[in-house]
Each structure stands twice: as C-alpha cells, then as structure tokens.
Amino acid sequence: NDERIITIEDSAELQISSVDNIVRLETRNANTEGKGEITIRQLIK
C-alpha cells in the first residue's frame, strides 16, 4: 500500500483499490483536425 504506482491504458479498465498513491493515465485520440493525440509511448515517457 505504501508504494506509488502509475497505470497507463488505452481505455481505463483497471480497478486497483489496494494502493492509495496511484496515478491513472489514459491515451487520447486525435481530434477532427488530426491533432492532440496522446499515445501510450508518450504516457510511459
């Protein structure tokens, strides 16, 4: 419980309740202009 974890997903599905210090990140598709995409690679970095 005392660890800090970061989850990275295409669509947020994980249900981790045992850890308090948790950051949840989710990818984002590009908008209609083809901009603003956030990939898993970018989130890992």
All heavy atoms as atom14 arrays in JSON, in Angstrom:
{
  "sequence": "NDERIITIEDSAELQISSVDNIVRLETRNANTEGKGEITIRQLIK",
  "atom14_mask": [
    [1, 1, 1, 1, 1, 1, 1, 1, 0, 0, 0, 0, 0, 0],
    [1, 1, 1, 1, 1, 1, 1, 1, 0, 0, 0, 0, 0, 0],
    [1, 1, 1, 1, 1, 1, 1, 1, 1, 0, 0, 0, 0, 0],
    [1, 1, 1, 1, 1, 1, 1, 1, 1, 1, 1, 0, 0, 0],
    [1, 1, 1, 1, 1, 1, 1, 1, 0, 0, 0, 0, 0, 0],
    [1, 1, 1, 1, 1, 1, 1, 1, 0, 0, 0, 0, 0, 0],
    [1, 1, 1, 1, 1, 1, 1, 0, 0, 0, 0, 0, 0, 0],
    [1, 1, 1, 1, 1, 1, 1, 1, 0, 0, 0, 0, 0, 0],
    [1, 1, 1, 1, 1, 1, 1, 1, 1, 0, 0, 0, 0, 0],
    [1, 1, 1, 1, 1, 1, 1, 1, 0, 0, 0, 0, 0, 0],
    [1, 1, 1, 1, 1, 1, 0, 0, 0, 0, 0, 0, 0, 0],
    [1, 1, 1, 1, 1, 0, 0, 0, 0, 0, 0, 0, 0, 0],
    [1, 1, 1, 1, 1, 1, 1, 1, 1, 0, 0, 0, 0, 0],
    [1, 1, 1, 1, 1, 1, 1, 1, 0, 0, 0, 0, 0, 0],
    [1, 1, 1, 1, 1, 1, 1, 1, 1, 0, 0, 0, 0, 0],
    [1, 1, 1, 1, 1, 1, 1, 1, 0, 0, 0, 0, 0, 0],
    [1, 1, 1, 1, 1, 1, 0, 0, 0, 0, 0, 0, 0, 0],
    [1, 1, 1, 1, 1, 1, 0, 0, 0, 0, 0, 0, 0, 0],
    [1, 1, 1, 1, 1, 1, 1, 0, 0, 0, 0, 0, 0, 0],
    [1, 1, 1, 1, 1, 1, 1, 1, 0, 0, 0, 0, 0, 0],
    [1, 1, 1, 1, 1, 1, 1, 1, 0, 0, 0, 0, 0, 0],
    [1, 1, 1, 1, 1, 1, 1, 1, 0, 0, 0, 0, 0, 0],
    [1, 1, 1, 1, 1, 1, 1, 0, 0, 0, 0, 0, 0, 0],
    [1, 1, 1, 1, 1, 1, 1, 1, 1, 1, 1, 0, 0, 0],
    [1, 1, 1, 1, 1, 1, 1, 1, 0, 0, 0, 0, 0, 0],
    [1, 1, 1, 1, 1, 1, 1, 1, 1, 0, 0, 0, 0, 0],
    [1, 1, 1, 1, 1, 1, 1, 0, 0, 0, 0, 0, 0, 0],
    [1, 1, 1, 1, 1, 1, 1, 1, 1, 1, 1, 0, 0, 0],
    [1, 1, 1, 1, 1, 1, 1, 1, 0, 0, 0, 0, 0, 0],
    [1, 1, 1, 1, 1, 0, 0, 0, 0, 0, 0, 0, 0, 0],
    [1, 1, 1, 1, 1, 1, 1, 1, 0, 0, 0, 0, 0, 0],
    [1, 1, 1, 1, 1, 1, 1, 0, 0, 0, 0, 0, 0, 0],
    [1, 1, 1, 1, 1, 1, 1, 1, 1, 0, 0, 0, 0, 0],
    [1, 1, 1, 1, 0, 0, 0, 0, 0, 0, 0, 0, 0, 0],
    [1, 1, 1, 1, 1, 1, 1, 1, 1, 0, 0, 0, 0, 0],
    [1, 1, 1, 1, 0, 0, 0, 0, 0, 0, 0, 0, 0, 0],
    [1, 1, 1, 1, 1, 1, 1, 1, 1, 0, 0, 0, 0, 0],
    [1, 1, 1, 1, 1, 1, 1, 1, 0, 0, 0, 0, 0, 0],
    [1, 1, 1, 1, 1, 1, 1, 0, 0, 0, 0, 0, 0, 0],
    [1, 1, 1, 1, 1, 1, 1, 1, 0, 0, 0, 0, 0, 0],
    [1, 1, 1, 1, 1, 1, 1, 1, 1, 1, 1, 0, 0, 0],
    [1, 1, 1, 1, 1, 1, 1, 1, 1, 0, 0, 0, 0, 0],
    [1, 1, 1, 1, 1, 1, 1, 1, 0, 0, 0, 0, 0, 0],
    [1, 1, 1, 1, 1, 1, 1, 1, 0, 0, 0, 0, 0, 0],
    [1, 1, 1, 1, 1, 1, 1, 1, 1, 0, 0, 0, 0, 0]
  ],
  "atom14_positions": [
    [[0.8, -1.23, 0.0], [0.0, 0.0, 0.0], [0.83, 1.27, 0.0], [0.37, 2.33, -0.43], [-0.95, -0.01, 1.2], [-1.8, 1.24, 1.29], [-1.5, 2.15, 2.04], [-2.85, 1.29, 0.47], [0.0, 0.0, 0.0], [0.0, 0.0, 0.0], [0.0, 0.0, 0.0], [0.0, 0.0, 0.0], [0.0, 0.0, 0.0], [0.0, 0.0, 0.0]],
    [[2.07, 1.21, 0.49], [2.88, 2.42, 0.64], [3.68, 2.78, -0.61], [4.51, 3.68, -0.59], [3.83, 2.29, 1.83], [4.79, 1.11, 1.69], [4.62, 0.32, 0.74], [5.7, 0.99, 2.52], [0.0, 0.0, 0.0], [0.0, 0.0, 0.0], [0.0, 0.0, 0.0], [0.0, 0.0, 0.0], [0.0, 0.0, 0.0], [0.0, 0.0, 0.0]],
    [[3.42, 2.1, -1.73], [4.15, 2.39, -2.96], [3.35, 3.32, -3.87], [2.14, 3.43, -3.75], [4.47, 1.08, -3.7], [5.47, 0.2, -2.94], [5.94, -0.97, -3.76], [5.76, -0.95, -5.0], [6.49, -1.93, -3.18], [0.0, 0.0, 0.0], [0.0, 0.0, 0.0], [0.0, 0.0, 0.0], [0.0, 0.0, 0.0], [0.0, 0.0, 0.0]],
    [[4.07, 3.98, -4.78], [3.44, 4.87, -5.76], [3.45, 4.16, -7.11], [4.51, 3.77, -7.62], [4.19, 6.19, -5.86], [3.68, 7.14, -6.96], [4.43, 8.46, -6.88], [4.16, 9.36, -7.99], [3.1, 10.17, -8.1], [2.19, 10.17, -7.15], [2.97, 10.99, -9.13], [0.0, 0.0, 0.0], [0.0, 0.0, 0.0], [0.0, 0.0, 0.0]],
    [[2.28, 3.98, -7.68], [2.2, 3.31, -8.97], [1.47, 4.19, -9.98], [0.63, 5.02, -9.62], [1.52, 1.92, -8.88], [0.05, 2.05, -8.47], [2.25, 1.01, -7.93], [-0.69, 0.73, -8.56], [0.0, 0.0, 0.0], [0.0, 0.0, 0.0], [0.0, 0.0, 0.0], [0.0, 0.0, 0.0], [0.0, 0.0, 0.0], [0.0, 0.0, 0.0]],
    [[1.84, 4.01, -11.25], [1.19, 4.73, -12.34], [0.65, 3.7, -13.33], [1.38, 2.8, -13.76], [2.18, 5.68, -13.04], [2.62, 6.77, -12.06], [1.56, 6.29, -14.29], [3.62, 7.76, -12.61], [0.0, 0.0, 0.0], [0.0, 0.0, 0.0], [0.0, 0.0, 0.0], [0.0, 0.0, 0.0], [0.0, 0.0, 0.0], [0.0, 0.0, 0.0]],
    [[-0.62, 3.82, -13.65], [-1.24, 2.93, -14.64], [-1.41, 3.67, -15.95], [-1.77, 4.86, -15.96], [-2.6, 2.38, -14.17], [-3.55, 3.46, -14.09], [-2.49, 1.72, -12.81], [0.0, 0.0, 0.0], [0.0, 0.0, 0.0], [0.0, 0.0, 0.0], [0.0, 0.0, 0.0], [0.0, 0.0, 0.0], [0.0, 0.0, 0.0], [0.0, 0.0, 0.0]],
    [[-1.15, 2.98, -17.04], [-1.24, 3.57, -18.38], [-2.07, 2.64, -19.25], [-1.74, 1.47, -19.41], [0.17, 3.76, -18.99], [1.0, 4.71, -18.11], [0.08, 4.27, -20.41], [2.47, 4.76, -18.46], [0.0, 0.0, 0.0], [0.0, 0.0, 0.0], [0.0, 0.0, 0.0], [0.0, 0.0, 0.0], [0.0, 0.0, 0.0], [0.0, 0.0, 0.0]],
    [[-3.16, 3.17, -19.83], [-4.08, 2.33, -20.59], [-4.64, 3.06, -21.81], [-4.7, 4.29, -21.83], [-5.25, 1.9, -19.71], [-4.87, 1.15, -18.45], [-6.09, 0.92, -17.57], [-6.81, -0.05, -17.83], [-6.31, 1.72, -16.65], [0.0, 0.0, 0.0], [0.0, 0.0, 0.0], [0.0, 0.0, 0.0], [0.0, 0.0, 0.0], [0.0, 0.0, 0.0]],
    [[-5.07, 2.28, -22.79], [-5.81, 2.83, -23.93], [-7.19, 3.3, -23.47], [-7.62, 4.41, -23.79], [-5.99, 1.77, -25.02], [-4.9, 1.88, -26.07], [-4.33, 2.97, -26.23], [-4.61, 0.87, -26.73], [0.0, 0.0, 0.0], [0.0, 0.0, 0.0], [0.0, 0.0, 0.0], [0.0, 0.0, 0.0], [0.0, 0.0, 0.0], [0.0, 0.0, 0.0]],
    [[-7.89, 2.42, -22.77], [-9.18, 2.75, -22.15], [-9.1, 2.29, -20.71], [-8.8, 1.11, -20.46], [-10.33, 2.03, -22.86], [-10.49, 2.53, -24.16], [0.0, 0.0, 0.0], [0.0, 0.0, 0.0], [0.0, 0.0, 0.0], [0.0, 0.0, 0.0], [0.0, 0.0, 0.0], [0.0, 0.0, 0.0], [0.0, 0.0, 0.0], [0.0, 0.0, 0.0]],
    [[-9.33, 3.19, -19.79], [-9.14, 2.89, -18.36], [-10.06, 1.75, -17.92], [-11.28, 1.88, -17.93], [-9.41, 4.14, -17.52], [0.0, 0.0, 0.0], [0.0, 0.0, 0.0], [0.0, 0.0, 0.0], [0.0, 0.0, 0.0], [0.0, 0.0, 0.0], [0.0, 0.0, 0.0], [0.0, 0.0, 0.0], [0.0, 0.0, 0.0], [0.0, 0.0, 0.0]],
    [[-9.46, 0.6, -17.58], [-10.22, -0.58, -17.17], [-9.76, -1.11, -15.82], [-10.52, -1.79, -15.13], [-10.05, -1.7, -18.2], [-10.57, -1.36, -19.57], [-10.07, -2.33, -20.63], [-9.25, -3.22, -20.32], [-10.47, -2.19, -21.78], [0.0, 0.0, 0.0], [0.0, 0.0, 0.0], [0.0, 0.0, 0.0], [0.0, 0.0, 0.0], [0.0, 0.0, 0.0]],
    [[-8.53, -0.85, -15.44], [-8.0, -1.4, -14.2], [-8.73, -0.82, -12.99], [-9.06, 0.36, -12.96], [-6.5, -1.11, -14.09], [-5.62, -1.82, -15.12], [-4.19, -1.32, -15.03], [-5.67, -3.33, -14.93], [0.0, 0.0, 0.0], [0.0, 0.0, 0.0], [0.0, 0.0, 0.0], [0.0, 0.0, 0.0], [0.0, 0.0, 0.0], [0.0, 0.0, 0.0]],
    [[-8.96, -1.67, -12.02], [-9.67, -1.27, -10.8], [-8.79, -1.61, -9.6], [-9.06, -2.54, -8.86], [-11.01, -2.01, -10.7], [-11.95, -1.76, -11.86], [-13.1, -2.75, -11.89], [-12.92, -3.92, -12.23], [-14.28, -2.31, -11.52], [0.0, 0.0, 0.0], [0.0, 0.0, 0.0], [0.0, 0.0, 0.0], [0.0, 0.0, 0.0], [0.0, 0.0, 0.0]],
    [[-7.73, -0.85, -9.44], [-6.78, -1.12, -8.36], [-7.17, -0.32, -7.13], [-7.14, 0.91, -7.15], [-5.34, -0.77, -8.81], [-4.96, -1.61, -10.03], [-4.35, -1.0, -7.67], [-3.67, -1.21, -10.69], [0.0, 0.0, 0.0], [0.0, 0.0, 0.0], [0.0, 0.0, 0.0], [0.0, 0.0, 0.0], [0.0, 0.0, 0.0], [0.0, 0.0, 0.0]],
    [[-7.56, -1.01, -6.08], [-8.04, -0.32, -4.88], [-7.12, -0.53, -3.68], [-7.34, 0.06, -2.62], [-9.45, -0.84, -4.53], [-9.43, -2.25, -4.39], [0.0, 0.0, 0.0], [0.0, 0.0, 0.0], [0.0, 0.0, 0.0], [0.0, 0.0, 0.0], [0.0, 0.0, 0.0], [0.0, 0.0, 0.0], [0.0, 0.0, 0.0], [0.0, 0.0, 0.0]],
    [[-6.08, -1.35, -3.85], [-5.21, -1.69, -2.7], [-4.13, -0.65, -2.46], [-3.46, -0.68, -1.43], [-4.56, -3.06, -2.93], [-3.81, -3.05, -4.13], [0.0, 0.0, 0.0], [0.0, 0.0, 0.0], [0.0, 0.0, 0.0], [0.0, 0.0, 0.0], [0.0, 0.0, 0.0], [0.0, 0.0, 0.0], [0.0, 0.0, 0.0], [0.0, 0.0, 0.0]],
    [[-3.93, 0.28, -3.41], [-2.87, 1.28, -3.3], [-3.49, 2.68, -3.27], [-4.34, 3.01, -4.11], [-1.89, 1.16, -4.48], [-0.81, 2.23, -4.41], [-1.25, -0.22, -4.5], [0.0, 0.0, 0.0], [0.0, 0.0, 0.0], [0.0, 0.0, 0.0], [0.0, 0.0, 0.0], [0.0, 0.0, 0.0], [0.0, 0.0, 0.0], [0.0, 0.0, 0.0]],
    [[-3.05, 3.51, -2.33], [-3.59, 4.87, -2.22], [-2.91, 5.83, -3.19], [-3.56, 6.67, -3.81], [-3.41, 5.39, -0.79], [-4.23, 4.6, 0.22], [-5.32, 4.11, -0.17], [-3.78, 4.44, 1.38], [0.0, 0.0, 0.0], [0.0, 0.0, 0.0], [0.0, 0.0, 0.0], [0.0, 0.0, 0.0], [0.0, 0.0, 0.0], [0.0, 0.0, 0.0]],
    [[-1.58, 5.71, -3.3], [-0.8, 6.64, -4.13], [-0.75, 6.13, -5.57], [0.22, 5.52, -6.0], [0.61, 6.77, -3.55], [1.37, 7.94, -4.15], [0.91, 8.57, -5.11], [2.53, 8.25, -3.59], [0.0, 0.0, 0.0], [0.0, 0.0, 0.0], [0.0, 0.0, 0.0], [0.0, 0.0, 0.0], [0.0, 0.0, 0.0], [0.0, 0.0, 0.0]],
    [[-1.82, 6.37, -6.3], [-1.95, 5.85, -7.66], [-2.3, 6.97, -8.63], [-3.12, 7.84, -8.33], [-3.01, 4.71, -7.72], [-3.12, 4.14, -9.14], [-4.36, 5.19, -7.22], [-3.96, 2.88, -9.22], [0.0, 0.0, 0.0], [0.0, 0.0, 0.0], [0.0, 0.0, 0.0], [0.0, 0.0, 0.0], [0.0, 0.0, 0.0], [0.0, 0.0, 0.0]],
    [[-1.63, 6.97, -9.78], [-1.92, 7.93, -10.85], [-2.41, 7.12, -12.04], [-1.74, 6.18, -12.48], [-0.66, 8.73, -11.25], [-0.96, 9.64, -12.43], [-0.15, 9.53, -10.06], [0.0, 0.0, 0.0], [0.0, 0.0, 0.0], [0.0, 0.0, 0.0], [0.0, 0.0, 0.0], [0.0, 0.0, 0.0], [0.0, 0.0, 0.0], [0.0, 0.0, 0.0]],
    [[-3.57, 7.49, -12.59], [-4.15, 6.76, -13.72], [-4.07, 7.63, -14.96], [-4.59, 8.75, -14.98], [-5.6, 6.38, -13.41], [-5.75, 5.55, -12.14], [-7.2, 5.29, -11.82], [-7.79, 4.34, -12.75], [-9.06, 4.36, -13.14], [-9.87, 5.31, -12.7], [-9.52, 3.45, -13.97], [0.0, 0.0, 0.0], [0.0, 0.0, 0.0], [0.0, 0.0, 0.0]],
    [[-3.43, 7.12, -16.0], [-3.28, 7.85, -17.25], [-3.97, 7.08, -18.38], [-3.95, 5.85, -18.4], [-1.8, 8.03, -17.6], [-0.91, 8.74, -16.56], [0.53, 8.79, -17.03], [-1.43, 10.14, -16.26], [0.0, 0.0, 0.0], [0.0, 0.0, 0.0], [0.0, 0.0, 0.0], [0.0, 0.0, 0.0], [0.0, 0.0, 0.0], [0.0, 0.0, 0.0]],
    [[-4.57, 7.83, -19.3], [-5.31, 7.23, -20.4], [-4.95, 7.94, -21.71], [-4.81, 9.16, -21.74], [-6.81, 7.33, -20.14], [-7.67, 6.64, -21.18], [-9.16, 6.8, -20.86], [-9.6, 7.94, -20.58], [-9.88, 5.79, -20.91], [0.0, 0.0, 0.0], [0.0, 0.0, 0.0], [0.0, 0.0, 0.0], [0.0, 0.0, 0.0], [0.0, 0.0, 0.0]],
    [[-4.81, 7.18, -22.77], [-4.48, 7.76, -24.07], [-5.62, 8.63, -24.6], [-6.75, 8.54, -24.1], [-4.18, 6.66, -25.12], [-5.36, 5.87, -25.29], [-3.02, 5.8, -24.69], [0.0, 0.0, 0.0], [0.0, 0.0, 0.0], [0.0, 0.0, 0.0], [0.0, 0.0, 0.0], [0.0, 0.0, 0.0], [0.0, 0.0, 0.0], [0.0, 0.0, 0.0]],
    [[-5.3, 9.44, -25.59], [-6.32, 10.28, -26.21], [-6.17, 10.21, -27.71], [-5.05, 10.27, -28.25], [-6.18, 11.74, -25.74], [-7.29, 12.66, -26.22], [-7.13, 14.04, -25.66], [-6.0, 14.74, -26.24], [-5.54, 15.92, -25.81], [-6.1, 16.5, -24.76], [-4.51, 16.49, -26.4], [0.0, 0.0, 0.0], [0.0, 0.0, 0.0], [0.0, 0.0, 0.0]],
    [[-7.28, 10.07, -28.41], [-7.25, 10.05, -29.87], [-7.07, 11.46, -30.43], [-7.35, 12.46, -29.75], [-8.55, 9.47, -30.43], [-8.67, 7.98, -30.17], [-7.71, 7.35, -29.74], [-9.84, 7.43, -30.41], [0.0, 0.0, 0.0], [0.0, 0.0, 0.0], [0.0, 0.0, 0.0], [0.0, 0.0, 0.0], [0.0, 0.0, 0.0], [0.0, 0.0, 0.0]],
    [[-6.63, 11.54, -31.67], [-6.5, 12.84, -32.33], [-7.88, 13.45, -32.54], [-8.88, 12.73, -32.66], [-5.78, 12.67, -33.66], [0.0, 0.0, 0.0], [0.0, 0.0, 0.0], [0.0, 0.0, 0.0], [0.0, 0.0, 0.0], [0.0, 0.0, 0.0], [0.0, 0.0, 0.0], [0.0, 0.0, 0.0], [0.0, 0.0, 0.0], [0.0, 0.0, 0.0]],
    [[-7.95, 14.78, -32.56], [-9.23, 15.45, -32.81], [-9.55, 15.42, -34.3], [-8.83, 14.81, -35.1], [-9.21, 16.88, -32.26], [-8.13, 17.74, -32.91], [-7.64, 17.43, -34.0], [-7.76, 18.82, -32.24], [0.0, 0.0, 0.0], [0.0, 0.0, 0.0], [0.0, 0.0, 0.0], [0.0, 0.0, 0.0], [0.0, 0.0, 0.0], [0.0, 0.0, 0.0]],
    [[-10.62, 16.08, -34.69], [-11.06, 16.05, -36.09], [-10.04, 16.66, -37.04], [-10.05, 16.39, -38.24], [-12.41, 16.79, -36.24], [-12.3, 18.09, -35.65], [-13.53, 16.03, -35.56], [0.0, 0.0, 0.0], [0.0, 0.0, 0.0], [0.0, 0.0, 0.0], [0.0, 0.0, 0.0], [0.0, 0.0, 0.0], [0.0, 0.0, 0.0], [0.0, 0.0, 0.0]],
    [[-9.15, 17.49, -36.49], [-8.11, 18.09, -37.31], [-6.84, 17.25, -37.34], [-5.82, 17.65, -37.92], [-7.78, 19.5, -36.79], [-8.97, 20.46, -36.86], [-8.67, 21.77, -36.15], [-7.59, 21.88, -35.54], [-9.52, 22.67, -36.2], [0.0, 0.0, 0.0], [0.0, 0.0, 0.0], [0.0, 0.0, 0.0], [0.0, 0.0, 0.0], [0.0, 0.0, 0.0]],
    [[-6.89, 16.08, -36.68], [-5.73, 15.21, -36.65], [-4.68, 15.61, -35.63], [-3.54, 15.14, -35.67], [0.0, 0.0, 0.0], [0.0, 0.0, 0.0], [0.0, 0.0, 0.0], [0.0, 0.0, 0.0], [0.0, 0.0, 0.0], [0.0, 0.0, 0.0], [0.0, 0.0, 0.0], [0.0, 0.0, 0.0], [0.0, 0.0, 0.0], [0.0, 0.0, 0.0]],
    [[-5.06, 16.46, -34.67], [-4.12, 16.95, -33.65], [-4.54, 16.5, -32.26], [-5.68, 16.12, -32.04], [-4.02, 18.47, -33.7], [-3.5, 19.03, -35.02], [-3.5, 20.54, -35.02], [-2.99, 21.09, -36.34], [-3.02, 22.57, -36.38], [0.0, 0.0, 0.0], [0.0, 0.0, 0.0], [0.0, 0.0, 0.0], [0.0, 0.0, 0.0], [0.0, 0.0, 0.0]],
    [[-3.59, 16.57, -31.33], [-3.91, 16.32, -29.92], [-3.83, 14.88, -29.48], [-4.21, 14.56, -28.36], [0.0, 0.0, 0.0], [0.0, 0.0, 0.0], [0.0, 0.0, 0.0], [0.0, 0.0, 0.0], [0.0, 0.0, 0.0], [0.0, 0.0, 0.0], [0.0, 0.0, 0.0], [0.0, 0.0, 0.0], [0.0, 0.0, 0.0], [0.0, 0.0, 0.0]],
    [[-3.33, 13.99, -30.34], [-3.25, 12.57, -29.95], [-2.19, 12.38, -28.86], [-1.1, 12.95, -28.91], [-2.88, 11.71, -31.16], [-2.82, 10.23, -30.83], [-2.38, 9.37, -32.0], [-1.8, 9.93, -32.96], [-2.61, 8.15, -31.96], [0.0, 0.0, 0.0], [0.0, 0.0, 0.0], [0.0, 0.0, 0.0], [0.0, 0.0, 0.0], [0.0, 0.0, 0.0]],
    [[-2.55, 11.58, -27.86], [-1.62, 11.2, -26.79], [-1.52, 9.68, -26.8], [-2.51, 8.98, -26.6], [-2.09, 11.67, -25.4], [-2.36, 13.18, -25.38], [-1.06, 11.29, -24.34], [-1.13, 14.04, -25.52], [0.0, 0.0, 0.0], [0.0, 0.0, 0.0], [0.0, 0.0, 0.0], [0.0, 0.0, 0.0], [0.0, 0.0, 0.0], [0.0, 0.0, 0.0]],
    [[-0.32, 9.16, -27.08], [-0.13, 7.71, -27.21], [0.4, 7.09, -25.93], [0.86, 7.8, -25.02], [0.87, 7.41, -28.35], [2.16, 7.93, -27.96], [0.43, 8.04, -29.66], [0.0, 0.0, 0.0], [0.0, 0.0, 0.0], [0.0, 0.0, 0.0], [0.0, 0.0, 0.0], [0.0, 0.0, 0.0], [0.0, 0.0, 0.0], [0.0, 0.0, 0.0]],
    [[0.37, 5.76, -25.88], [0.93, 5.05, -24.73], [2.43, 5.34, -24.61], [2.96, 5.5, -23.51], [0.66, 3.53, -24.84], [-0.81, 3.24, -24.5], [1.57, 2.74, -23.9], [-1.17, 1.79, -24.44], [0.0, 0.0, 0.0], [0.0, 0.0, 0.0], [0.0, 0.0, 0.0], [0.0, 0.0, 0.0], [0.0, 0.0, 0.0], [0.0, 0.0, 0.0]],
    [[3.12, 5.43, -25.74], [4.56, 5.75, -25.72], [4.81, 7.08, -25.01], [5.7, 7.19, -24.16], [5.12, 5.84, -27.14], [5.17, 4.53, -27.89], [6.11, 4.62, -29.07], [7.51, 4.58, -28.64], [8.54, 4.6, -29.47], [8.34, 4.68, -30.78], [9.78, 4.56, -29.02], [0.0, 0.0, 0.0], [0.0, 0.0, 0.0], [0.0, 0.0, 0.0]],
    [[4.0, 8.08, -25.35], [4.17, 9.39, -24.72], [3.87, 9.33, -23.22], [4.56, 9.96, -22.41], [3.23, 10.41, -25.39], [3.63, 10.76, -26.82], [2.58, 11.6, -27.5], [1.45, 11.15, -27.74], [2.91, 12.83, -27.84], [0.0, 0.0, 0.0], [0.0, 0.0, 0.0], [0.0, 0.0, 0.0], [0.0, 0.0, 0.0], [0.0, 0.0, 0.0]],
    [[2.85, 8.55, -22.85], [2.48, 8.45, -21.44], [3.54, 7.72, -20.63], [3.8, 8.07, -19.48], [1.12, 7.75, -21.3], [-0.09, 8.53, -21.84], [-1.36, 7.71, -21.7], [-0.25, 9.86, -21.12], [0.0, 0.0, 0.0], [0.0, 0.0, 0.0], [0.0, 0.0, 0.0], [0.0, 0.0, 0.0], [0.0, 0.0, 0.0], [0.0, 0.0, 0.0]],
    [[4.15, 6.69, -21.21], [5.23, 5.98, -20.5], [6.39, 6.93, -20.24], [6.93, 7.0, -19.13], [5.7, 4.74, -21.3], [4.6, 3.67, -21.33], [6.97, 4.15, -20.66], [4.92, 2.46, -22.2], [0.0, 0.0, 0.0], [0.0, 0.0, 0.0], [0.0, 0.0, 0.0], [0.0, 0.0, 0.0], [0.0, 0.0, 0.0], [0.0, 0.0, 0.0]],
    [[6.76, 7.7, -21.27], [7.86, 8.66, -21.1], [7.5, 9.72, -20.05], [8.35, 10.09, -19.23], [8.18, 9.32, -22.44], [8.84, 8.37, -23.43], [8.99, 8.99, -24.81], [9.6, 8.0, -25.8], [9.63, 8.51, -27.18], [0.0, 0.0, 0.0], [0.0, 0.0, 0.0], [0.0, 0.0, 0.0], [0.0, 0.0, 0.0], [0.0, 0.0, 0.0]]
  ]
}
